[in-house]
Amino acid sequence: MPTVPIYVAVYEERPADVSIRRFRGIKRAAHVEQGTHWHQVIFPRRFTIRAAASDQHQPRSGPYKKRKRRLARDRVRLKNGRYVQKGGQADLVFSGEMEESLTRFAAIRGFPTRATVTMEGPRYTTLRPYRRAGPDKVSEMQFLRADELHDLEEILNQSTATGLNELRAPRTTKAT
């Protein structure tokens, strides 16, 4: 199965009282938290009926939409043994195979400057949209609205601040 990497990079300056090694560890943890939030909260919104209007999806053809809605209405079994999901209204959902495989599991890696979320999708999910007909599904899934970007920035800032506060918190030692 092909993988779909998602990249979000943010650069910050290190406080003078924190070592480079510790600051990188704090940033890694913050980016993992950011990537986890994106995969569990933001990414599933791509597969809703309302996503087409707010996420700048490429228009689907009239005959395709009509066929998809008819298959959903008549509950016709597809070749993969599934049925058309969500009434045929959601742009990124036909049988639900892509949604299921991409939202099930993700490898989230944190780096000092970015988070990388890698998911496995069906064979037709590719990073080379010029080789197939139809809309670029990968770019539609990767699209970030301004409010979602703001949420990710807030998570990164809060997680970094929490990590720095834990680092600077006074430590008590137990006398024996």
N, C-alpha and C. Protein backbone atom coordinates (compact mmCIF):
# COMPACT_ATOMS: atom_id res chain seq x y z
N MET A 1 0.84 -1.18 0.00
CA MET A 1 0.00 0.00 0.00
C MET A 1 0.88 1.24 0.00
N PRO A 2 0.54 2.26 -0.79
CA PRO A 2 1.33 3.48 -0.79
C PRO A 2 1.12 4.26 0.50
N THR A 3 2.12 5.05 0.85
CA THR A 3 2.02 5.87 2.05
C THR A 3 1.77 7.32 1.66
N VAL A 4 1.12 8.06 2.53
CA VAL A 4 0.80 9.46 2.30
C VAL A 4 1.45 10.27 3.41
N PRO A 5 2.61 10.88 3.15
CA PRO A 5 3.25 11.67 4.19
C PRO A 5 2.64 13.07 4.26
N ILE A 6 2.52 13.60 5.46
CA ILE A 6 2.03 14.95 5.69
C ILE A 6 3.12 15.69 6.45
N TYR A 7 3.51 16.87 6.00
CA TYR A 7 4.58 17.62 6.64
C TYR A 7 4.08 18.97 7.14
N VAL A 8 4.42 19.31 8.38
CA VAL A 8 4.16 20.63 8.94
C VAL A 8 5.45 21.04 9.63
N ALA A 9 6.05 22.15 9.22
CA ALA A 9 7.32 22.58 9.79
C ALA A 9 7.16 23.95 10.44
N VAL A 10 7.72 24.11 11.65
CA VAL A 10 7.70 25.36 12.39
C VAL A 10 9.08 25.56 13.00
N TYR A 11 9.58 26.77 12.91
CA TYR A 11 10.91 27.06 13.45
C TYR A 11 10.78 28.05 14.60
N GLU A 12 11.46 27.76 15.73
CA GLU A 12 11.43 28.62 16.90
C GLU A 12 12.84 28.78 17.44
N GLU A 13 13.05 29.87 18.15
CA GLU A 13 14.35 30.08 18.77
C GLU A 13 14.37 29.46 20.15
N ARG A 14 15.52 28.92 20.50
CA ARG A 14 15.71 28.25 21.78
C ARG A 14 15.98 29.29 22.87
N PRO A 15 15.32 29.13 24.04
CA PRO A 15 15.64 30.01 25.17
C PRO A 15 17.10 29.81 25.59
N ALA A 16 17.74 30.87 26.05
CA ALA A 16 19.17 30.82 26.38
C ALA A 16 19.48 29.89 27.54
N ASP A 17 18.53 29.71 28.46
CA ASP A 17 18.80 28.89 29.64
C ASP A 17 18.52 27.40 29.43
N VAL A 18 18.20 26.99 28.21
CA VAL A 18 17.89 25.60 27.92
C VAL A 18 18.92 25.07 26.92
N SER A 19 19.45 23.90 27.22
CA SER A 19 20.45 23.33 26.32
C SER A 19 19.82 22.93 24.99
N ILE A 20 20.64 22.87 23.97
CA ILE A 20 20.16 22.52 22.64
C ILE A 20 19.53 21.14 22.65
N ARG A 21 20.18 20.20 23.31
CA ARG A 21 19.68 18.82 23.34
C ARG A 21 18.31 18.72 24.02
N ARG A 22 18.15 19.39 25.14
CA ARG A 22 16.85 19.34 25.84
C ARG A 22 15.76 20.05 25.06
N PHE A 23 16.12 21.18 24.42
CA PHE A 23 15.12 21.91 23.66
C PHE A 23 14.66 21.08 22.46
N ARG A 24 15.58 20.38 21.82
CA ARG A 24 15.19 19.51 20.70
C ARG A 24 14.25 18.40 21.18
N GLY A 25 14.51 17.84 22.35
CA GLY A 25 13.62 16.82 22.90
C GLY A 25 12.23 17.36 23.17
N ILE A 26 12.18 18.57 23.71
CA ILE A 26 10.88 19.22 23.98
C ILE A 26 10.14 19.46 22.67
N LYS A 27 10.85 19.94 21.65
CA LYS A 27 10.22 20.22 20.37
C LYS A 27 9.74 18.94 19.69
N ARG A 28 10.53 17.87 19.81
CA ARG A 28 10.10 16.58 19.23
C ARG A 28 8.77 16.14 19.84
N ALA A 29 8.71 16.20 21.17
CA ALA A 29 7.48 15.79 21.86
C ALA A 29 6.30 16.68 21.46
N ALA A 30 6.56 17.98 21.32
CA ALA A 30 5.49 18.90 20.93
C ALA A 30 4.99 18.60 19.52
N HIS A 31 5.91 18.29 18.63
CA HIS A 31 5.50 17.97 17.26
C HIS A 31 4.76 16.64 17.17
N VAL A 32 5.13 15.68 17.99
CA VAL A 32 4.38 14.42 18.02
C VAL A 32 2.95 14.68 18.49
N GLU A 33 2.80 15.52 19.51
CA GLU A 33 1.46 15.87 19.99
C GLU A 33 0.67 16.59 18.90
N GLN A 34 1.32 17.47 18.17
CA GLN A 34 0.69 18.18 17.08
C GLN A 34 0.25 17.22 15.97
N GLY A 35 1.12 16.30 15.59
CA GLY A 35 0.79 15.33 14.56
C GLY A 35 -0.34 14.40 14.98
N THR A 36 -0.34 14.02 16.25
CA THR A 36 -1.41 13.17 16.77
C THR A 36 -2.75 13.89 16.71
N HIS A 37 -2.77 15.16 17.08
CA HIS A 37 -4.00 15.96 17.02
C HIS A 37 -4.48 16.06 15.57
N TRP A 38 -3.56 16.30 14.65
CA TRP A 38 -3.95 16.42 13.24
C TRP A 38 -4.58 15.11 12.77
N HIS A 39 -3.96 13.98 13.10
CA HIS A 39 -4.47 12.70 12.60
C HIS A 39 -5.79 12.30 13.25
N GLN A 40 -5.95 12.58 14.53
CA GLN A 40 -7.14 12.11 15.24
C GLN A 40 -8.32 13.08 15.17
N VAL A 41 -8.05 14.39 15.02
CA VAL A 41 -9.13 15.37 15.06
C VAL A 41 -9.36 16.05 13.71
N ILE A 42 -8.30 16.59 13.14
CA ILE A 42 -8.46 17.39 11.92
C ILE A 42 -8.64 16.51 10.68
N PHE A 43 -7.82 15.50 10.53
CA PHE A 43 -7.85 14.68 9.32
C PHE A 43 -9.20 13.98 9.08
N PRO A 44 -9.86 13.42 10.09
CA PRO A 44 -11.16 12.77 9.81
C PRO A 44 -12.22 13.72 9.25
N ARG A 45 -12.06 15.03 9.46
CA ARG A 45 -13.01 16.00 8.91
C ARG A 45 -12.97 16.02 7.39
N ARG A 46 -11.88 15.57 6.78
CA ARG A 46 -11.76 15.58 5.32
C ARG A 46 -12.79 14.67 4.67
N PHE A 47 -13.30 13.72 5.41
CA PHE A 47 -14.20 12.72 4.85
C PHE A 47 -15.66 13.01 5.16
N THR A 48 -15.97 14.22 5.59
CA THR A 48 -17.35 14.58 5.87
C THR A 48 -18.01 15.19 4.63
N ILE A 49 -19.31 15.29 4.68
CA ILE A 49 -20.05 15.85 3.55
C ILE A 49 -19.76 17.34 3.40
N ARG A 50 -19.56 18.05 4.51
CA ARG A 50 -19.31 19.49 4.47
C ARG A 50 -17.91 19.86 4.01
N ALA A 51 -17.00 18.92 3.94
CA ALA A 51 -15.60 19.23 3.64
C ALA A 51 -15.42 19.83 2.25
N ALA A 52 -16.23 19.45 1.29
CA ALA A 52 -16.05 19.94 -0.08
C ALA A 52 -16.15 21.46 -0.16
N ALA A 53 -17.06 22.03 0.60
CA ALA A 53 -17.25 23.48 0.55
C ALA A 53 -16.12 24.22 1.24
N SER A 54 -15.63 23.70 2.36
CA SER A 54 -14.65 24.45 3.14
C SER A 54 -13.20 24.10 2.83
N ASP A 55 -12.94 22.97 2.18
CA ASP A 55 -11.57 22.52 1.97
C ASP A 55 -11.07 22.65 0.53
N GLN A 56 -11.76 23.39 -0.30
CA GLN A 56 -11.36 23.65 -1.68
C GLN A 56 -11.13 22.36 -2.47
N HIS A 57 -12.10 21.46 -2.44
CA HIS A 57 -11.99 20.25 -3.23
C HIS A 57 -12.21 20.59 -4.70
N GLN A 58 -11.56 19.84 -5.56
CA GLN A 58 -11.76 20.02 -6.98
C GLN A 58 -13.15 19.50 -7.33
N PRO A 59 -13.82 20.14 -8.27
CA PRO A 59 -15.19 19.70 -8.59
C PRO A 59 -15.20 18.32 -9.23
N ARG A 60 -16.17 17.52 -8.83
CA ARG A 60 -16.40 16.21 -9.45
C ARG A 60 -17.38 16.41 -10.60
N SER A 61 -17.30 15.55 -11.58
CA SER A 61 -18.17 15.70 -12.75
C SER A 61 -19.62 15.37 -12.38
N GLY A 62 -20.54 15.94 -13.11
CA GLY A 62 -21.96 15.70 -12.88
C GLY A 62 -22.35 14.24 -13.01
N PRO A 63 -21.92 13.55 -14.09
CA PRO A 63 -22.27 12.13 -14.22
C PRO A 63 -21.71 11.27 -13.09
N TYR A 64 -20.49 11.60 -12.62
CA TYR A 64 -19.90 10.85 -11.51
C TYR A 64 -20.74 11.01 -10.24
N LYS A 65 -21.11 12.27 -9.92
CA LYS A 65 -21.89 12.51 -8.71
C LYS A 65 -23.26 11.83 -8.81
N LYS A 66 -23.86 11.89 -9.99
CA LYS A 66 -25.18 11.28 -10.18
C LYS A 66 -25.09 9.77 -10.00
N ARG A 67 -24.07 9.13 -10.60
CA ARG A 67 -23.88 7.68 -10.47
C ARG A 67 -23.62 7.29 -9.02
N LYS A 68 -22.80 8.07 -8.35
CA LYS A 68 -22.46 7.77 -6.96
C LYS A 68 -23.70 7.84 -6.06
N ARG A 69 -24.52 8.85 -6.24
CA ARG A 69 -25.74 8.99 -5.43
C ARG A 69 -26.74 7.87 -5.74
N ARG A 70 -26.82 7.49 -7.02
CA ARG A 70 -27.72 6.40 -7.40
C ARG A 70 -27.28 5.08 -6.78
N LEU A 71 -25.99 4.80 -6.82
CA LEU A 71 -25.47 3.57 -6.21
C LEU A 71 -25.72 3.55 -4.70
N ALA A 72 -25.59 4.71 -4.06
CA ALA A 72 -25.85 4.79 -2.62
C ALA A 72 -27.33 4.59 -2.32
N ARG A 73 -28.17 5.23 -3.11
CA ARG A 73 -29.62 5.13 -2.90
C ARG A 73 -30.11 3.70 -3.09
N ASP A 74 -29.61 3.01 -4.12
CA ASP A 74 -30.07 1.66 -4.44
C ASP A 74 -29.32 0.58 -3.68
N ARG A 75 -28.34 0.97 -2.85
CA ARG A 75 -27.53 0.02 -2.05
C ARG A 75 -26.95 -1.08 -2.93
N VAL A 76 -26.29 -0.67 -4.00
CA VAL A 76 -25.66 -1.61 -4.93
C VAL A 76 -24.31 -2.03 -4.35
N ARG A 77 -24.06 -3.32 -4.32
CA ARG A 77 -22.78 -3.83 -3.82
C ARG A 77 -21.69 -3.58 -4.87
N LEU A 78 -20.56 -3.00 -4.44
CA LEU A 78 -19.46 -2.70 -5.35
C LEU A 78 -18.57 -3.92 -5.53
N LYS A 79 -17.59 -3.82 -6.42
CA LYS A 79 -16.69 -4.94 -6.70
C LYS A 79 -15.91 -5.39 -5.46
N ASN A 80 -15.59 -4.45 -4.58
CA ASN A 80 -14.83 -4.79 -3.38
C ASN A 80 -15.73 -5.30 -2.25
N GLY A 81 -17.00 -5.53 -2.53
CA GLY A 81 -17.91 -6.07 -1.54
C GLY A 81 -18.52 -5.02 -0.63
N ARG A 82 -18.20 -3.77 -0.83
CA ARG A 82 -18.71 -2.68 -0.01
C ARG A 82 -19.85 -1.97 -0.73
N TYR A 83 -20.42 -0.99 -0.02
CA TYR A 83 -21.47 -0.15 -0.58
C TYR A 83 -20.97 1.29 -0.58
N VAL A 84 -21.62 2.14 -1.38
CA VAL A 84 -21.28 3.56 -1.38
C VAL A 84 -21.67 4.14 -0.02
N GLN A 85 -20.75 4.85 0.60
CA GLN A 85 -20.95 5.38 1.95
C GLN A 85 -21.42 6.84 1.93
N LYS A 86 -22.00 7.27 3.02
CA LYS A 86 -22.42 8.65 3.27
C LYS A 86 -23.35 9.20 2.19
N GLY A 87 -24.17 8.32 1.67
CA GLY A 87 -25.18 8.74 0.70
C GLY A 87 -24.60 9.23 -0.62
N GLY A 88 -23.33 8.99 -0.85
CA GLY A 88 -22.70 9.47 -2.07
C GLY A 88 -22.44 10.95 -2.07
N GLN A 89 -22.54 11.60 -0.91
CA GLN A 89 -22.42 13.05 -0.82
C GLN A 89 -21.00 13.54 -0.53
N ALA A 90 -20.19 12.74 0.14
CA ALA A 90 -18.84 13.17 0.53
C ALA A 90 -17.87 12.95 -0.63
N ASP A 91 -17.10 13.99 -0.97
CA ASP A 91 -16.20 13.92 -2.11
C ASP A 91 -15.13 12.84 -1.98
N LEU A 92 -14.50 12.73 -0.83
CA LEU A 92 -13.39 11.80 -0.66
C LEU A 92 -13.82 10.40 -0.23
N VAL A 93 -15.12 10.14 -0.22
CA VAL A 93 -15.60 8.83 0.21
C VAL A 93 -16.45 8.21 -0.89
N PHE A 94 -16.06 7.04 -1.33
CA PHE A 94 -16.90 6.26 -2.24
C PHE A 94 -17.33 5.02 -1.48
N SER A 95 -16.45 4.06 -1.33
CA SER A 95 -16.80 2.86 -0.57
C SER A 95 -16.35 2.97 0.88
N GLY A 96 -15.54 3.96 1.21
CA GLY A 96 -15.05 4.13 2.58
C GLY A 96 -13.74 3.42 2.83
N GLU A 97 -13.21 2.73 1.83
CA GLU A 97 -11.94 1.99 1.99
C GLU A 97 -10.78 2.94 2.30
N MET A 98 -10.68 4.05 1.58
CA MET A 98 -9.60 4.99 1.81
C MET A 98 -9.71 5.62 3.19
N GLU A 99 -10.90 6.06 3.56
CA GLU A 99 -11.11 6.67 4.87
C GLU A 99 -10.73 5.69 5.98
N GLU A 100 -11.17 4.45 5.85
CA GLU A 100 -10.90 3.45 6.88
C GLU A 100 -9.40 3.18 7.03
N SER A 101 -8.72 2.99 5.90
CA SER A 101 -7.31 2.65 5.98
C SER A 101 -6.45 3.82 6.44
N LEU A 102 -6.80 5.04 6.04
CA LEU A 102 -5.99 6.20 6.42
C LEU A 102 -6.22 6.65 7.86
N THR A 103 -7.42 6.49 8.37
CA THR A 103 -7.70 6.93 9.74
C THR A 103 -7.41 5.86 10.78
N ARG A 104 -7.20 4.63 10.35
CA ARG A 104 -6.97 3.53 11.28
C ARG A 104 -5.64 3.67 12.02
N PHE A 105 -4.57 3.89 11.29
CA PHE A 105 -3.24 3.90 11.89
C PHE A 105 -2.37 4.92 11.19
N ALA A 106 -1.51 5.56 11.94
CA ALA A 106 -0.53 6.49 11.37
C ALA A 106 0.76 6.39 12.16
N ALA A 107 1.87 6.45 11.45
CA ALA A 107 3.18 6.52 12.09
C ALA A 107 3.52 7.99 12.22
N ILE A 108 3.57 8.47 13.46
CA ILE A 108 3.80 9.89 13.71
C ILE A 108 5.19 10.04 14.29
N ARG A 109 6.03 10.78 13.59
CA ARG A 109 7.40 11.00 14.04
C ARG A 109 7.58 12.48 14.28
N GLY A 110 8.21 12.80 15.40
CA GLY A 110 8.49 14.17 15.74
C GLY A 110 9.96 14.48 15.54
N PHE A 111 10.23 15.63 14.99
CA PHE A 111 11.58 16.13 14.80
C PHE A 111 11.64 17.52 15.43
N PRO A 112 12.80 18.09 15.64
CA PRO A 112 12.87 19.41 16.26
C PRO A 112 12.14 20.50 15.47
N THR A 113 11.99 20.32 14.16
CA THR A 113 11.37 21.36 13.35
C THR A 113 10.06 20.95 12.69
N ARG A 114 9.66 19.69 12.82
CA ARG A 114 8.47 19.26 12.09
C ARG A 114 7.92 17.95 12.66
N ALA A 115 6.71 17.65 12.22
CA ALA A 115 6.10 16.34 12.48
C ALA A 115 5.84 15.70 11.14
N THR A 116 6.02 14.40 11.06
CA THR A 116 5.73 13.66 9.85
C THR A 116 4.71 12.60 10.19
N VAL A 117 3.57 12.65 9.52
CA VAL A 117 2.51 11.68 9.70
C VAL A 117 2.46 10.83 8.44
N THR A 118 2.70 9.54 8.59
CA THR A 118 2.70 8.64 7.44
C THR A 118 1.59 7.62 7.62
N MET A 119 0.73 7.53 6.60
CA MET A 119 -0.41 6.63 6.65
C MET A 119 -0.37 5.73 5.42
N GLU A 120 -0.94 4.55 5.54
CA GLU A 120 -1.05 3.65 4.40
C GLU A 120 -2.46 3.73 3.84
N GLY A 121 -2.52 3.90 2.54
CA GLY A 121 -3.81 4.00 1.88
C GLY A 121 -3.97 2.96 0.81
N PRO A 122 -5.10 2.93 0.14
CA PRO A 122 -5.33 1.98 -0.94
C PRO A 122 -4.38 2.23 -2.11
N ARG A 123 -4.31 1.30 -3.01
CA ARG A 123 -3.38 1.37 -4.11
C ARG A 123 -3.58 2.62 -4.97
N TYR A 124 -4.81 3.09 -5.10
CA TYR A 124 -5.06 4.25 -5.96
C TYR A 124 -4.66 5.57 -5.31
N THR A 125 -4.30 5.55 -4.05
CA THR A 125 -3.82 6.76 -3.39
C THR A 125 -2.34 6.90 -3.74
N THR A 126 -2.03 7.89 -4.50
CA THR A 126 -0.66 8.06 -4.95
C THR A 126 -0.25 9.52 -4.82
N LEU A 127 1.05 9.73 -4.73
CA LEU A 127 1.57 11.10 -4.66
C LEU A 127 1.82 11.67 -6.05
N ARG A 128 1.49 10.92 -7.08
CA ARG A 128 1.69 11.38 -8.46
C ARG A 128 0.34 11.51 -9.16
N PRO A 129 -0.36 12.62 -8.91
CA PRO A 129 -1.71 12.75 -9.46
C PRO A 129 -1.74 12.87 -10.98
N TYR A 130 -0.64 13.25 -11.62
CA TYR A 130 -0.64 13.42 -13.06
C TYR A 130 -0.76 12.09 -13.79
N ARG A 131 -0.62 10.97 -13.10
CA ARG A 131 -0.68 9.65 -13.74
C ARG A 131 -2.10 9.08 -13.74
N ARG A 132 -3.05 9.77 -13.17
CA ARG A 132 -4.39 9.22 -13.15
C ARG A 132 -5.41 10.33 -13.46
N ALA A 133 -6.57 9.91 -13.85
CA ALA A 133 -7.62 10.88 -14.13
C ALA A 133 -8.33 11.22 -12.83
N GLY A 134 -9.01 12.32 -12.81
CA GLY A 134 -9.78 12.70 -11.64
C GLY A 134 -9.04 13.68 -10.75
N PRO A 135 -9.66 14.07 -9.66
CA PRO A 135 -9.08 15.08 -8.79
C PRO A 135 -7.87 14.55 -8.01
N ASP A 136 -7.05 15.48 -7.54
CA ASP A 136 -5.87 15.14 -6.75
C ASP A 136 -6.31 14.94 -5.30
N LYS A 137 -6.61 13.70 -4.94
CA LYS A 137 -7.13 13.39 -3.61
C LYS A 137 -6.12 13.68 -2.50
N VAL A 138 -4.84 13.47 -2.78
CA VAL A 138 -3.81 13.68 -1.76
C VAL A 138 -3.75 15.16 -1.38
N SER A 139 -3.78 16.05 -2.34
CA SER A 139 -3.73 17.48 -1.99
C SER A 139 -5.01 17.91 -1.28
N GLU A 140 -6.14 17.28 -1.60
CA GLU A 140 -7.37 17.59 -0.88
C GLU A 140 -7.29 17.14 0.57
N MET A 141 -6.61 16.01 0.82
CA MET A 141 -6.46 15.53 2.20
C MET A 141 -5.45 16.36 2.98
N GLN A 142 -4.43 16.88 2.29
CA GLN A 142 -3.37 17.63 2.96
C GLN A 142 -3.76 19.08 3.23
N PHE A 143 -4.81 19.57 2.61
CA PHE A 143 -5.20 20.97 2.72
C PHE A 143 -5.47 21.35 4.18
N LEU A 144 -4.93 22.49 4.60
CA LEU A 144 -5.18 23.00 5.95
C LEU A 144 -5.87 24.35 5.87
N ARG A 145 -7.03 24.47 6.50
CA ARG A 145 -7.71 25.76 6.59
C ARG A 145 -6.98 26.62 7.61
N ALA A 146 -7.23 27.90 7.60
CA ALA A 146 -6.56 28.84 8.51
C ALA A 146 -6.88 28.51 9.97
N ASP A 147 -8.13 28.14 10.27
CA ASP A 147 -8.48 27.82 11.65
C ASP A 147 -7.80 26.53 12.12
N GLU A 148 -7.63 25.56 11.22
CA GLU A 148 -6.94 24.33 11.59
C GLU A 148 -5.45 24.59 11.82
N LEU A 149 -4.87 25.44 10.99
CA LEU A 149 -3.47 25.79 11.16
C LEU A 149 -3.27 26.51 12.48
N HIS A 150 -4.21 27.37 12.83
CA HIS A 150 -4.14 28.07 14.12
C HIS A 150 -4.22 27.08 15.28
N ASP A 151 -5.10 26.08 15.18
CA ASP A 151 -5.20 25.05 16.22
C ASP A 151 -3.88 24.30 16.39
N LEU A 152 -3.25 23.95 15.27
CA LEU A 152 -1.98 23.23 15.33
C LEU A 152 -0.89 24.10 15.94
N GLU A 153 -0.89 25.39 15.62
CA GLU A 153 0.09 26.30 16.22
C GLU A 153 -0.12 26.41 17.73
N GLU A 154 -1.37 26.48 18.14
CA GLU A 154 -1.68 26.57 19.57
C GLU A 154 -1.22 25.31 20.31
N ILE A 155 -1.46 24.16 19.73
CA ILE A 155 -1.03 22.90 20.35
C ILE A 155 0.48 22.87 20.47
N LEU A 156 1.16 23.30 19.43
CA LEU A 156 2.62 23.32 19.46
C LEU A 156 3.14 24.27 20.53
N ASN A 157 2.55 25.47 20.60
CA ASN A 157 2.98 26.45 21.60
C ASN A 157 2.70 25.97 23.02
N GLN A 158 1.52 25.41 23.26
CA GLN A 158 1.17 24.93 24.60
C GLN A 158 2.05 23.76 25.01
N SER A 159 2.29 22.85 24.10
CA SER A 159 3.11 21.69 24.42
C SER A 159 4.56 22.10 24.69
N THR A 160 5.07 23.04 23.91
CA THR A 160 6.44 23.55 24.14
C THR A 160 6.52 24.26 25.48
N ALA A 161 5.53 25.07 25.78
CA ALA A 161 5.52 25.79 27.06
C ALA A 161 5.45 24.80 28.23
N THR A 162 4.63 23.78 28.09
CA THR A 162 4.53 22.76 29.14
C THR A 162 5.86 22.06 29.34
N GLY A 163 6.52 21.69 28.25
CA GLY A 163 7.81 21.03 28.34
C GLY A 163 8.87 21.91 28.98
N LEU A 164 8.87 23.20 28.64
CA LEU A 164 9.83 24.13 29.24
C LEU A 164 9.52 24.34 30.72
N ASN A 165 8.25 24.42 31.08
CA ASN A 165 7.88 24.59 32.49
C ASN A 165 8.28 23.37 33.32
N GLU A 166 8.09 22.17 32.75
CA GLU A 166 8.50 20.96 33.46
C GLU A 166 10.01 20.92 33.63
N LEU A 167 10.73 21.40 32.64
CA LEU A 167 12.19 21.42 32.70
C LEU A 167 12.68 22.40 33.76
N ARG A 168 12.01 23.54 33.86
CA ARG A 168 12.43 24.59 34.79
C ARG A 168 11.84 24.43 36.18
N ALA A 169 10.92 23.50 36.36
CA ALA A 169 10.28 23.31 37.67
C ALA A 169 11.32 22.88 38.70
N PRO A 170 11.20 23.41 39.92
CA PRO A 170 12.17 23.01 40.95
C PRO A 170 11.99 21.53 41.28
N ARG A 171 13.11 20.89 41.47
CA ARG A 171 13.09 19.48 41.79
C ARG A 171 13.47 19.32 43.26
N THR A 172 12.71 18.50 43.93
CA THR A 172 13.01 18.27 45.34
C THR A 172 13.69 16.93 45.47
N THR A 173 14.62 16.85 46.36
CA THR A 173 15.29 15.58 46.60
C THR A 173 14.90 15.09 47.98
N LYS A 174 14.82 13.84 48.12
CA LYS A 174 14.43 13.23 49.38
C LYS A 174 15.68 12.94 50.20
N ALA A 175 15.73 13.47 51.39
CA ALA A 175 16.85 13.23 52.26
C ALA A 175 16.66 11.89 52.96
N THR A 176 17.71 11.12 53.01
CA THR A 176 17.60 9.82 53.68
C THR A 176 18.39 9.80 54.96
